[in-house]
Amino acid sequence: MEAPIARLPPELLVLVFEELDKEEQTLCVMSCQRWHALIKGLWPTLKTPPDILLRWTADAGNQPLMKLAKKWGKFCADDYEIAMSWATEKGQIRIIKLLKSWGDRERLNINIGEVLASAASWGQLKSVDLLLDWCIDDERTEEDIDDDIRGALISAAYNGQIEVLKYLESLVYSSDYDLNLVLCWAAKGGSIKCMELLEEWGADNPNGSLIWAAEESEIEIMKRAKDQGADAFDSALAKAASYGQIECMKLLKKWGANDFEEALKERKWSKGETVIALLKEWIKERDEG
C-alpha cells in the first residue's frame, strides 16, 4: 500500500522536509527513494549537512549515499571516525572497506584504537578482524599496538563479548601484560563468563573484582568475589557510596565494612543525601554500640 506522503506534490514535500531537523532529514533521505530524488535535485534548498548524511548512511550501510555525501562535503576531523565507528557497531563490512579505500587512517584522522574498541564492545568479530590490519602494521610500535588491543580487550570484557575476548587475547604482544585490569572491567560489566575465561588465563584479583562490581551494583559478582577470598570491604563500601549504590553499601556493612567516615568522604554522585544520611546513621550506631 502506498504511503500517504508519497501522494504529496513536490512543493509540499519540500515544505515538510524543511521543517525537520538535520538528523530527521537525513533519516528520511536514507529510507525513501522519493526523498532521495528530491535532495539530489534541491540540495542548496534542503541544507542537510554532508557530515550527518555520511554518519547515518554509514550506520545504515548505504554505500551510494555515502559516496554522494563525500562528493558534496568537506568533513571535519572526526567525521570519518564517527562514520567508521557507527559502521563497525552495526557490522557494516562493506562500509568499513569503503571507508578504508578512501585513505589511510592518518589522512582520514581515524583513531583506530577507539574504533577497534567500539567494534569489540558490540561483539562485531568480523569488524574487529577487518580493522586489525590497520592496527597491526610495520609503521606502528608494539607499545601502540598493545594499547589498542588492550583497549579492545577491556571493551569486550566489560560488554560480555566472550568470542571477541578469545580472539583478541592471542594478539597481545607483551608477555608481561596483567589481565587483572581486564578482569576488573568484566566484573564491573557483570560478565561472569568473561571473568571465568580470564581466570583460566591467569587473572586473579578478587578484591579488584569486588570493588569494581560495587560501583555498578553487580551484587552476584560481589558475592562471587567474596567466595574467592575478597576482603576489601571498606574500599568497596567507599566505591559503592561514591556512586550511590545503597544496596551494595548495606551488603558490605553486613559483611563487616565499618569505615563509614572514609565512605562519607568518597560520596560524589547520585543519591547523595540518602548516602550521607545512611552513613551518618551507621556512624552513630557504631559509636553508641
C-alpha atoms as a PDB file:
ATOM      1  CA  MET A   1       0.000   0.000   0.000  1.00  0.00           C
ATOM      2  CA  GLU A   2       1.349   3.416  -0.983  1.00  0.00           C
ATOM      3  CA  ALA A   3       2.285   5.667   1.946  1.00  0.00           C
ATOM      4  CA  PRO A   4       0.137   8.862   2.157  1.00  0.00           C
ATOM      5  CA  ILE A   5       3.224  11.068   1.959  1.00  0.00           C
ATOM      6  CA  ALA A   6       4.092   9.573  -1.418  1.00  0.00           C
ATOM      7  CA  ARG A   7       0.982  11.223  -2.869  1.00  0.00           C
ATOM      8  CA  LEU A   8       2.031  14.747  -1.872  1.00  0.00           C
ATOM      9  CA  PRO A   9       3.223  17.114  -4.599  1.00  0.00           C
ATOM     10  CA  PRO A  10       6.948  18.000  -4.561  1.00  0.00           C
ATOM     11  CA  GLU A  11       6.282  21.524  -3.282  1.00  0.00           C
ATOM     12  CA  LEU A  12       4.625  20.200  -0.123  1.00  0.00           C
ATOM     13  CA  LEU A  13       7.307  17.552   0.337  1.00  0.00           C
ATOM     14  CA  VAL A  14       9.937  20.289   0.328  1.00  0.00           C
ATOM     15  CA  LEU A  15       7.977  22.289   2.913  1.00  0.00           C
ATOM     16  CA  VAL A  16       7.661  19.239   5.171  1.00  0.00           C
ATOM     17  CA  PHE A  17      11.316  18.386   4.688  1.00  0.00           C
ATOM     18  CA  GLU A  18      12.488  21.882   5.682  1.00  0.00           C
ATOM     19  CA  GLU A  19      10.550  21.634   8.967  1.00  0.00           C
ATOM     20  CA  LEU A  20      12.568  18.586  10.043  1.00  0.00           C
ATOM     21  CA  ASP A  21      15.805  18.869  11.972  1.00  0.00           C
ATOM     22  CA  LYS A  22      19.051  17.837  10.295  1.00  0.00           C
ATOM     23  CA  GLU A  23      19.131  14.253  11.516  1.00  0.00           C
ATOM     24  CA  GLU A  24      15.444  13.713  10.704  1.00  0.00           C
ATOM     25  CA  GLN A  25      16.106  14.987   7.187  1.00  0.00           C
ATOM     26  CA  THR A  26      18.936  12.532   6.774  1.00  0.00           C
ATOM     27  CA  LEU A  27      16.885   9.594   8.046  1.00  0.00           C
ATOM     28  CA  CYS A  28      14.126  10.437   5.562  1.00  0.00           C
ATOM     29  CA  VAL A  29      16.624  10.567   2.715  1.00  0.00           C
ATOM     30  CA  MET A  30      18.016   7.179   3.690  1.00  0.00           C
ATOM     31  CA  SER A  31      14.649   5.464   3.938  1.00  0.00           C
ATOM     32  CA  CYS A  32      12.699   6.853   0.965  1.00  0.00           C
ATOM     33  CA  GLN A  33      13.682   6.950  -2.702  1.00  0.00           C
ATOM     34  CA  ARG A  34      11.436   9.944  -3.315  1.00  0.00           C
ATOM     35  CA  TRP A  35      13.131  11.990  -0.598  1.00  0.00           C
ATOM     36  CA  HIS A  36      16.452  10.885  -2.068  1.00  0.00           C
ATOM     37  CA  ALA A  37      15.486  12.157  -5.515  1.00  0.00           C
ATOM     38  CA  LEU A  38      14.379  15.471  -4.018  1.00  0.00           C
ATOM     39  CA  ILE A  39      17.564  16.049  -2.079  1.00  0.00           C
ATOM     40  CA  LYS A  40      19.695  15.403  -5.164  1.00  0.00           C
ATOM     41  CA  GLY A  41      17.632  17.907  -7.153  1.00  0.00           C
ATOM     42  CA  LEU A  42      17.234  20.555  -4.435  1.00  0.00           C
ATOM     43  CA  TRP A  43      20.362  20.248  -2.311  1.00  0.00           C
ATOM     44  CA  PRO A  44      21.008  24.020  -1.906  1.00  0.00           C
ATOM     45  CA  THR A  45      17.477  24.472  -0.566  1.00  0.00           C
ATOM     46  CA  LEU A  46      17.294  21.459   1.753  1.00  0.00           C
ATOM     47  CA  LYS A  47      20.624  22.057   3.515  1.00  0.00           C
ATOM     48  CA  THR A  48      21.193  18.651   5.121  1.00  0.00           C
ATOM     49  CA  PRO A  49      24.897  18.675   6.074  1.00  0.00           C
ATOM     50  CA  PRO A  50      27.051  16.045   4.333  1.00  0.00           C
ATOM     51  CA  ASP A  51      28.690  15.070   7.638  1.00  0.00           C
ATOM     52  CA  ILE A  52      25.347  13.964   9.118  1.00  0.00           C
ATOM     53  CA  LEU A  53      24.497  12.205   5.868  1.00  0.00           C
ATOM     54  CA  LEU A  54      27.857  10.394   5.959  1.00  0.00           C
ATOM     55  CA  ARG A  55      27.344   9.169   9.535  1.00  0.00           C
ATOM     56  CA  TRP A  56      23.780   7.941   9.161  1.00  0.00           C
ATOM     57  CA  THR A  57      24.357   6.291   5.812  1.00  0.00           C
ATOM     58  CA  ALA A  58      27.408   4.508   7.253  1.00  0.00           C
ATOM     59  CA  ASP A  59      25.184   3.272  10.065  1.00  0.00           C
ATOM     60  CA  ALA A  60      22.574   2.081   7.556  1.00  0.00           C
ATOM     61  CA  GLY A  61      25.071   0.562   5.125  1.00  0.00           C
ATOM     62  CA  ASN A  62      24.016   2.803   2.234  1.00  0.00           C
ATOM     63  CA  GLN A  63      27.103   3.000   0.005  1.00  0.00           C
ATOM     64  CA  PRO A  64      25.623   5.146  -2.817  1.00  0.00           C
ATOM     65  CA  LEU A  65      24.555   7.885  -0.408  1.00  0.00           C
ATOM     66  CA  MET A  66      27.899   7.722   1.401  1.00  0.00           C
ATOM     67  CA  LYS A  67      29.660   8.372  -1.885  1.00  0.00           C
ATOM     68  CA  LEU A  68      27.222  11.201  -2.572  1.00  0.00           C
ATOM     69  CA  ALA A  69      27.948  12.743   0.846  1.00  0.00           C
ATOM     70  CA  LYS A  70      31.690  12.520   0.198  1.00  0.00           C
ATOM     71  CA  LYS A  71      31.232  14.223  -3.175  1.00  0.00           C
ATOM     72  CA  TRP A  72      29.156  17.036  -1.655  1.00  0.00           C
ATOM     73  CA  GLY A  73      31.014  17.810   1.524  1.00  0.00           C
ATOM     74  CA  LYS A  74      34.262  18.691   3.245  1.00  0.00           C
ATOM     75  CA  PHE A  75      34.430  16.816   6.510  1.00  0.00           C
ATOM     76  CA  CYS A  76      35.721  17.776   9.946  1.00  0.00           C
ATOM     77  CA  ALA A  77      38.467  15.874  11.728  1.00  0.00           C
ATOM     78  CA  ASP A  78      36.218  13.338  13.442  1.00  0.00           C
ATOM     79  CA  ASP A  79      33.566  12.744  10.765  1.00  0.00           C
ATOM     80  CA  TYR A  80      35.280   9.726   9.213  1.00  0.00           C
ATOM     81  CA  GLU A  81      35.982   8.223  12.628  1.00  0.00           C
ATOM     82  CA  ILE A  82      32.344   8.595  13.709  1.00  0.00           C
ATOM     83  CA  ALA A  83      31.157   7.072  10.442  1.00  0.00           C
ATOM     84  CA  MET A  84      33.616   4.197  10.872  1.00  0.00           C
ATOM     85  CA  SER A  85      32.523   3.648  14.488  1.00  0.00           C
ATOM     86  CA  TRP A  86      28.840   3.573  13.569  1.00  0.00           C
ATOM     87  CA  ALA A  87      29.543   1.171  10.721  1.00  0.00           C
ATOM     88  CA  THR A  88      31.533  -1.183  12.964  1.00  0.00           C
ATOM     89  CA  GLU A  89      28.812  -1.183  15.618  1.00  0.00           C
ATOM     90  CA  LYS A  90      26.336  -2.475  13.046  1.00  0.00           C
ATOM     91  CA  GLY A  91      28.791  -4.850  11.376  1.00  0.00           C
ATOM     92  CA  GLN A  92      28.630  -2.973   8.074  1.00  0.00           C
ATOM     93  CA  ILE A  93      31.613  -4.724   6.494  1.00  0.00           C
ATOM     94  CA  ARG A  94      31.188  -3.186   3.027  1.00  0.00           C
ATOM     95  CA  ILE A  95      31.098   0.293   4.574  1.00  0.00           C
ATOM     96  CA  ILE A  96      34.270  -0.349   6.570  1.00  0.00           C
ATOM     97  CA  LYS A  97      36.007  -1.460   3.374  1.00  0.00           C
ATOM     98  CA  LEU A  98      34.681   1.618   1.544  1.00  0.00           C
ATOM     99  CA  LEU A  99      35.953   3.994   4.223  1.00  0.00           C
ATOM    100  CA  LYS A 100      39.320   2.245   4.247  1.00  0.00           C
ATOM    101  CA  SER A 101      39.525   2.660   0.469  1.00  0.00           C
ATOM    102  CA  TRP A 102      39.220   6.451   0.858  1.00  0.00           C
ATOM    103  CA  GLY A 103      42.623   6.761   2.512  1.00  0.00           C
ATOM    104  CA  ASP A 104      44.878   5.596   5.324  1.00  0.00           C
ATOM    105  CA  ARG A 105      43.970   6.171   8.962  1.00  0.00           C
ATOM    106  CA  GLU A 106      46.283   9.205   9.290  1.00  0.00           C
ATOM    107  CA  ARG A 107      44.760  11.033   6.328  1.00  0.00           C
ATOM    108  CA  LEU A 108      41.225  10.256   7.495  1.00  0.00           C
ATOM    109  CA  ASN A 109      42.203  11.134  11.088  1.00  0.00           C
ATOM    110  CA  ILE A 110      40.800   7.889  12.469  1.00  0.00           C
ATOM    111  CA  ASN A 111      41.837   6.769  15.956  1.00  0.00           C
ATOM    112  CA  ILE A 112      41.986   3.072  15.214  1.00  0.00           C
ATOM    113  CA  GLY A 113      42.085   2.161  18.917  1.00  0.00           C
ATOM    114  CA  GLU A 114      38.749   3.879  19.553  1.00  0.00           C
ATOM    115  CA  VAL A 115      37.109   2.264  16.535  1.00  0.00           C
ATOM    116  CA  LEU A 116      38.507  -1.178  17.393  1.00  0.00           C
ATOM    117  CA  ALA A 117      37.231  -0.853  20.966  1.00  0.00           C
ATOM    118  CA  SER A 118      33.799   0.125  19.657  1.00  0.00           C
ATOM    119  CA  ALA A 119      33.654  -2.932  17.399  1.00  0.00           C
ATOM    120  CA  ALA A 120      34.765  -5.160  20.289  1.00  0.00           C
ATOM    121  CA  SER A 121      32.135  -3.735  22.627  1.00  0.00           C
ATOM    122  CA  TRP A 122      29.371  -4.675  20.180  1.00  0.00           C
ATOM    123  CA  GLY A 123      30.756  -8.153  19.563  1.00  0.00           C
ATOM    124  CA  GLN A 124      31.345  -7.477  15.873  1.00  0.00           C
ATOM    125  CA  LEU A 125      34.052 -10.056  15.308  1.00  0.00           C
ATOM    126  CA  LYS A 126      34.210  -9.557  11.527  1.00  0.00           C
ATOM    127  CA  SER A 127      34.596  -5.811  12.015  1.00  0.00           C
ATOM    128  CA  VAL A 128      37.348  -6.402  14.570  1.00  0.00           C
ATOM    129  CA  ASP A 129      39.170  -8.702  12.173  1.00  0.00           C
ATOM    130  CA  LEU A 130      38.901  -6.217   9.322  1.00  0.00           C
ATOM    131  CA  LEU A 131      40.227  -3.359  11.441  1.00  0.00           C
ATOM    132  CA  LEU A 132      43.244  -5.238  12.726  1.00  0.00           C
ATOM    133  CA  ASP A 133      45.310  -4.738   9.579  1.00  0.00           C
ATOM    134  CA  TRP A 134      45.050  -1.011  10.277  1.00  0.00           C
ATOM    135  CA  CYS A 135      46.004  -1.630  13.885  1.00  0.00           C
ATOM    136  CA  ILE A 136      48.895  -4.008  13.246  1.00  0.00           C
ATOM    137  CA  ASP A 137      51.406  -2.758  10.704  1.00  0.00           C
ATOM    138  CA  ASP A 138      55.136  -2.166  10.466  1.00  0.00           C
ATOM    139  CA  GLU A 139      54.826   1.602  10.947  1.00  0.00           C
ATOM    140  CA  ARG A 140      53.451   1.316  14.490  1.00  0.00           C
ATOM    141  CA  THR A 141      55.321   0.361  17.635  1.00  0.00           C
ATOM    142  CA  GLU A 142      54.462  -2.753  19.599  1.00  0.00           C
ATOM    143  CA  GLU A 143      53.502  -0.497  22.506  1.00  0.00           C
ATOM    144  CA  ASP A 144      50.920   1.369  20.410  1.00  0.00           C
ATOM    145  CA  ILE A 145      49.536  -1.888  19.042  1.00  0.00           C
ATOM    146  CA  ASP A 146      49.316  -3.337  22.556  1.00  0.00           C
ATOM    147  CA  ASP A 147      47.474  -0.266  23.821  1.00  0.00           C
ATOM    148  CA  ASP A 148      44.846  -0.534  21.090  1.00  0.00           C
ATOM    149  CA  ILE A 149      44.312  -4.257  21.502  1.00  0.00           C
ATOM    150  CA  ARG A 150      44.129  -3.960  25.295  1.00  0.00           C
ATOM    151  CA  GLY A 151      41.505  -1.257  24.935  1.00  0.00           C
ATOM    152  CA  ALA A 152      39.508  -3.634  22.754  1.00  0.00           C
ATOM    153  CA  LEU A 153      40.006  -6.440  25.305  1.00  0.00           C
ATOM    154  CA  ILE A 154      38.619  -4.204  28.038  1.00  0.00           C
ATOM    155  CA  SER A 155      35.636  -3.197  25.903  1.00  0.00           C
ATOM    156  CA  ALA A 156      34.890  -6.831  25.070  1.00  0.00           C
ATOM    157  CA  ALA A 157      35.188  -7.933  28.718  1.00  0.00           C
ATOM    158  CA  TYR A 158      33.008  -5.110  30.045  1.00  0.00           C
ATOM    159  CA  ASN A 159      30.282  -5.845  27.496  1.00  0.00           C
ATOM    160  CA  GLY A 160      30.413  -9.630  27.880  1.00  0.00           C
ATOM    161  CA  GLN A 161      31.690 -10.286  24.350  1.00  0.00           C
ATOM    162  CA  ILE A 162      33.471 -13.538  25.088  1.00  0.00           C
ATOM    163  CA  GLU A 163      34.185 -14.565  21.474  1.00  0.00           C
ATOM    164  CA  VAL A 164      35.908 -11.260  20.782  1.00  0.00           C
ATOM    165  CA  LEU A 165      37.822 -11.657  24.039  1.00  0.00           C
ATOM    166  CA  LYS A 166      39.083 -15.072  22.933  1.00  0.00           C
ATOM    167  CA  TYR A 167      40.090 -13.750  19.532  1.00  0.00           C
ATOM    168  CA  LEU A 168      41.990 -10.723  20.850  1.00  0.00           C
ATOM    169  CA  GLU A 169      43.834 -12.344  23.748  1.00  0.00           C
ATOM    170  CA  SER A 170      46.286 -14.152  21.489  1.00  0.00           C
ATOM    171  CA  LEU A 171      47.230 -10.883  19.762  1.00  0.00           C
ATOM    172  CA  VAL A 172      48.628  -9.008  22.755  1.00  0.00           C
ATOM    173  CA  TYR A 173      52.322  -8.604  22.059  1.00  0.00           C
ATOM    174  CA  SER A 174      53.747  -8.032  25.549  1.00  0.00           C
ATOM    175  CA  SER A 175      54.188 -11.171  27.634  1.00  0.00           C
ATOM    176  CA  ASP A 176      54.024  -9.200  30.902  1.00  0.00           C
ATOM    177  CA  TYR A 177      50.556  -7.767  30.350  1.00  0.00           C
ATOM    178  CA  ASP A 178      48.476  -8.055  33.504  1.00  0.00           C
ATOM    179  CA  LEU A 179      44.982  -9.366  32.791  1.00  0.00           C
ATOM    180  CA  ASN A 180      43.748  -8.327  36.238  1.00  0.00           C
ATOM    181  CA  LEU A 181      42.608  -4.936  34.928  1.00  0.00           C
ATOM    182  CA  VAL A 182      40.565  -6.651  32.215  1.00  0.00           C
ATOM    183  CA  LEU A 183      39.101  -8.890  34.937  1.00  0.00           C
ATOM    184  CA  CYS A 184      38.017  -5.807  36.880  1.00  0.00           C
ATOM    185  CA  TRP A 185      36.235  -4.425  33.829  1.00  0.00           C
ATOM    186  CA  ALA A 186      34.474  -7.759  33.332  1.00  0.00           C
ATOM    187  CA  ALA A 187      33.368  -7.596  36.980  1.00  0.00           C
ATOM    188  CA  LYS A 188      32.111  -4.048  36.519  1.00  0.00           C
ATOM    189  CA  GLY A 189      30.133  -5.165  33.475  1.00  0.00           C
ATOM    190  CA  GLY A 190      28.687  -8.152  35.312  1.00  0.00           C
ATOM    191  CA  SER A 191      30.059 -10.755  32.893  1.00  0.00           C
ATOM    192  CA  ILE A 192      30.752 -13.919  34.880  1.00  0.00           C
ATOM    193  CA  LYS A 193      31.613 -15.895  31.715  1.00  0.00           C
ATOM    194  CA  CYS A 194      34.293 -13.388  30.748  1.00  0.00           C
ATOM    195  CA  MET A 195      35.613 -13.443  34.306  1.00  0.00           C
ATOM    196  CA  GLU A 196      35.845 -17.231  34.257  1.00  0.00           C
ATOM    197  CA  LEU A 197      37.734 -17.144  30.969  1.00  0.00           C
ATOM    198  CA  LEU A 198      40.177 -14.506  32.230  1.00  0.00           C
ATOM    199  CA  GLU A 199      40.766 -16.525  35.379  1.00  0.00           C
ATOM    200  CA  GLU A 200      41.574 -19.548  33.207  1.00  0.00           C
ATOM    201  CA  TRP A 201      44.230 -17.373  31.553  1.00  0.00           C
ATOM    202  CA  GLY A 202      45.737 -16.492  34.931  1.00  0.00           C
ATOM    203  CA  ALA A 203      43.894 -13.402  36.140  1.00  0.00           C
ATOM    204  CA  ASP A 204      43.426 -13.426  39.921  1.00  0.00           C
ATOM    205  CA  ASN A 205      42.055 -10.324  41.608  1.00  0.00           C
ATOM    206  CA  PRO A 206      39.071 -10.963  43.910  1.00  0.00           C
ATOM    207  CA  ASN A 207      39.432  -7.629  45.722  1.00  0.00           C
ATOM    208  CA  GLY A 208      39.585  -5.700  42.465  1.00  0.00           C
ATOM    209  CA  SER A 209      36.520  -7.551  41.236  1.00  0.00           C
ATOM    210  CA  LEU A 210      34.673  -6.754  44.462  1.00  0.00           C
ATOM    211  CA  ILE A 211      35.457  -3.037  44.297  1.00  0.00           C
ATOM    212  CA  TRP A 212      34.688  -2.579  40.614  1.00  0.00           C
ATOM    213  CA  ALA A 213      31.476  -4.585  40.890  1.00  0.00           C
ATOM    214  CA  ALA A 214      30.354  -2.377  43.782  1.00  0.00           C
ATOM    215  CA  GLU A 215      30.486   0.656  41.510  1.00  0.00           C
ATOM    216  CA  GLU A 216      27.800  -0.825  39.235  1.00  0.00           C
ATOM    217  CA  SER A 217      25.825  -2.683  41.940  1.00  0.00           C
ATOM    218  CA  GLU A 218      26.721  -6.087  40.495  1.00  0.00           C
ATOM    219  CA  ILE A 219      25.649  -7.996  43.600  1.00  0.00           C
ATOM    220  CA  GLU A 220      26.240 -11.510  42.234  1.00  0.00           C
ATOM    221  CA  ILE A 221      29.760 -10.587  41.161  1.00  0.00           C
ATOM    222  CA  MET A 222      30.425  -9.185  44.628  1.00  0.00           C
ATOM    223  CA  LYS A 223      29.250 -12.425  46.243  1.00  0.00           C
ATOM    224  CA  ARG A 224      31.426 -14.412  43.868  1.00  0.00           C
ATOM    225  CA  ALA A 225      34.454 -12.285  44.736  1.00  0.00           C
ATOM    226  CA  LYS A 226      33.799 -12.767  48.455  1.00  0.00           C
ATOM    227  CA  ASP A 227      33.610 -16.529  47.961  1.00  0.00           C
ATOM    228  CA  GLN A 228      37.006 -16.316  46.242  1.00  0.00           C
ATOM    229  CA  GLY A 229      38.528 -14.597  49.278  1.00  0.00           C
ATOM    230  CA  ALA A 230      37.926 -10.898  48.715  1.00  0.00           C
ATOM    231  CA  ASP A 231      38.014  -8.919  51.955  1.00  0.00           C
ATOM    232  CA  ALA A 232      38.467  -5.270  50.862  1.00  0.00           C
ATOM    233  CA  PHE A 233      35.027  -4.438  52.170  1.00  0.00           C
ATOM    234  CA  ASP A 234      35.840  -0.895  53.290  1.00  0.00           C
ATOM    235  CA  SER A 235      37.312   0.031  49.907  1.00  0.00           C
ATOM    236  CA  ALA A 236      34.275  -1.460  48.181  1.00  0.00           C
ATOM    237  CA  LEU A 237      32.000   0.475  50.563  1.00  0.00           C
ATOM    238  CA  ALA A 238      33.733   3.728  49.613  1.00  0.00           C
ATOM    239  CA  LYS A 239      33.253   2.917  45.934  1.00  0.00           C
ATOM    240  CA  ALA A 240      29.591   1.983  46.396  1.00  0.00           C
ATOM    241  CA  ALA A 241      28.959   5.168  48.384  1.00  0.00           C
ATOM    242  CA  SER A 242      30.687   7.226  45.714  1.00  0.00           C
ATOM    243  CA  TYR A 243      28.172   6.013  43.137  1.00  0.00           C
ATOM    244  CA  GLY A 244      25.106   5.922  45.360  1.00  0.00           C
ATOM    245  CA  GLN A 245      24.778   2.121  45.383  1.00  0.00           C
ATOM    246  CA  ILE A 246      22.665   1.772  48.529  1.00  0.00           C
ATOM    247  CA  GLU A 247      22.027  -1.980  48.345  1.00  0.00           C
ATOM    248  CA  CYS A 248      25.729  -2.664  47.859  1.00  0.00           C
ATOM    249  CA  MET A 249      26.512  -0.493  50.866  1.00  0.00           C
ATOM    250  CA  LYS A 250      24.081  -2.451  53.043  1.00  0.00           C
ATOM    251  CA  LEU A 251      25.537  -5.764  51.893  1.00  0.00           C
ATOM    252  CA  LEU A 252      29.105  -4.634  52.556  1.00  0.00           C
ATOM    253  CA  LYS A 253      28.164  -3.419  56.033  1.00  0.00           C
ATOM    254  CA  LYS A 254      26.658  -6.852  56.684  1.00  0.00           C
ATOM    255  CA  TRP A 255      29.962  -8.407  55.624  1.00  0.00           C
ATOM    256  CA  GLY A 256      31.926  -6.271  58.070  1.00  0.00           C
ATOM    257  CA  ALA A 257      32.705  -2.936  56.422  1.00  0.00           C
ATOM    258  CA  ASN A 258      32.801  -0.210  59.069  1.00  0.00           C
ATOM    259  CA  ASP A 259      34.985   2.646  57.787  1.00  0.00           C
ATOM    260  CA  PHE A 260      31.978   4.840  57.243  1.00  0.00           C
ATOM    261  CA  GLU A 261      33.965   8.072  57.598  1.00  0.00           C
ATOM    262  CA  GLU A 262      36.079   7.227  54.545  1.00  0.00           C
ATOM    263  CA  ALA A 263      32.959   6.296  52.596  1.00  0.00           C
ATOM    264  CA  LEU A 264      31.455   9.647  53.591  1.00  0.00           C
ATOM    265  CA  LYS A 265      34.447  11.435  52.071  1.00  0.00           C
ATOM    266  CA  GLU A 266      34.141   9.496  48.833  1.00  0.00           C
ATOM    267  CA  ARG A 267      30.464  10.184  48.200  1.00  0.00           C
ATOM    268  CA  LYS A 268      30.224  12.147  44.919  1.00  0.00           C
ATOM    269  CA  TRP A 269      27.447  11.014  42.663  1.00  0.00           C
ATOM    270  CA  SER A 270      23.770  10.041  42.734  1.00  0.00           C
ATOM    271  CA  LYS A 271      21.523   9.706  45.793  1.00  0.00           C
ATOM    272  CA  GLY A 272      23.885  11.976  47.714  1.00  0.00           C
ATOM    273  CA  GLU A 273      21.622  12.991  50.539  1.00  0.00           C
ATOM    274  CA  THR A 274      20.435   9.427  51.105  1.00  0.00           C
ATOM    275  CA  VAL A 275      24.009   8.154  51.200  1.00  0.00           C
ATOM    276  CA  ILE A 276      25.089  10.863  53.639  1.00  0.00           C
ATOM    277  CA  ALA A 277      22.143  10.222  55.955  1.00  0.00           C
ATOM    278  CA  LEU A 278      22.709   6.461  55.898  1.00  0.00           C
ATOM    279  CA  LEU A 279      26.429   6.703  56.627  1.00  0.00           C
ATOM    280  CA  LYS A 280      25.873   9.167  59.460  1.00  0.00           C
ATOM    281  CA  GLU A 281      23.260   6.835  60.928  1.00  0.00           C
ATOM    282  CA  TRP A 282      25.742   3.928  60.754  1.00  0.00           C
ATOM    283  CA  ILE A 283      28.480   6.006  62.376  1.00  0.00           C
ATOM    284  CA  LYS A 284      26.134   6.882  65.218  1.00  0.00           C
ATOM    285  CA  GLU A 285      25.050   3.253  65.681  1.00  0.00           C
ATOM    286  CA  ARG A 286      28.654   2.059  65.680  1.00  0.00           C
ATOM    287  CA  ASP A 287      29.883   4.674  68.129  1.00  0.00           C
ATOM    288  CA  GLU A 288      26.959   4.206  70.514  1.00  0.00           C
ATOM    289  CA  GLY A 289      27.235   0.423  70.354  1.00  0.00           C
END
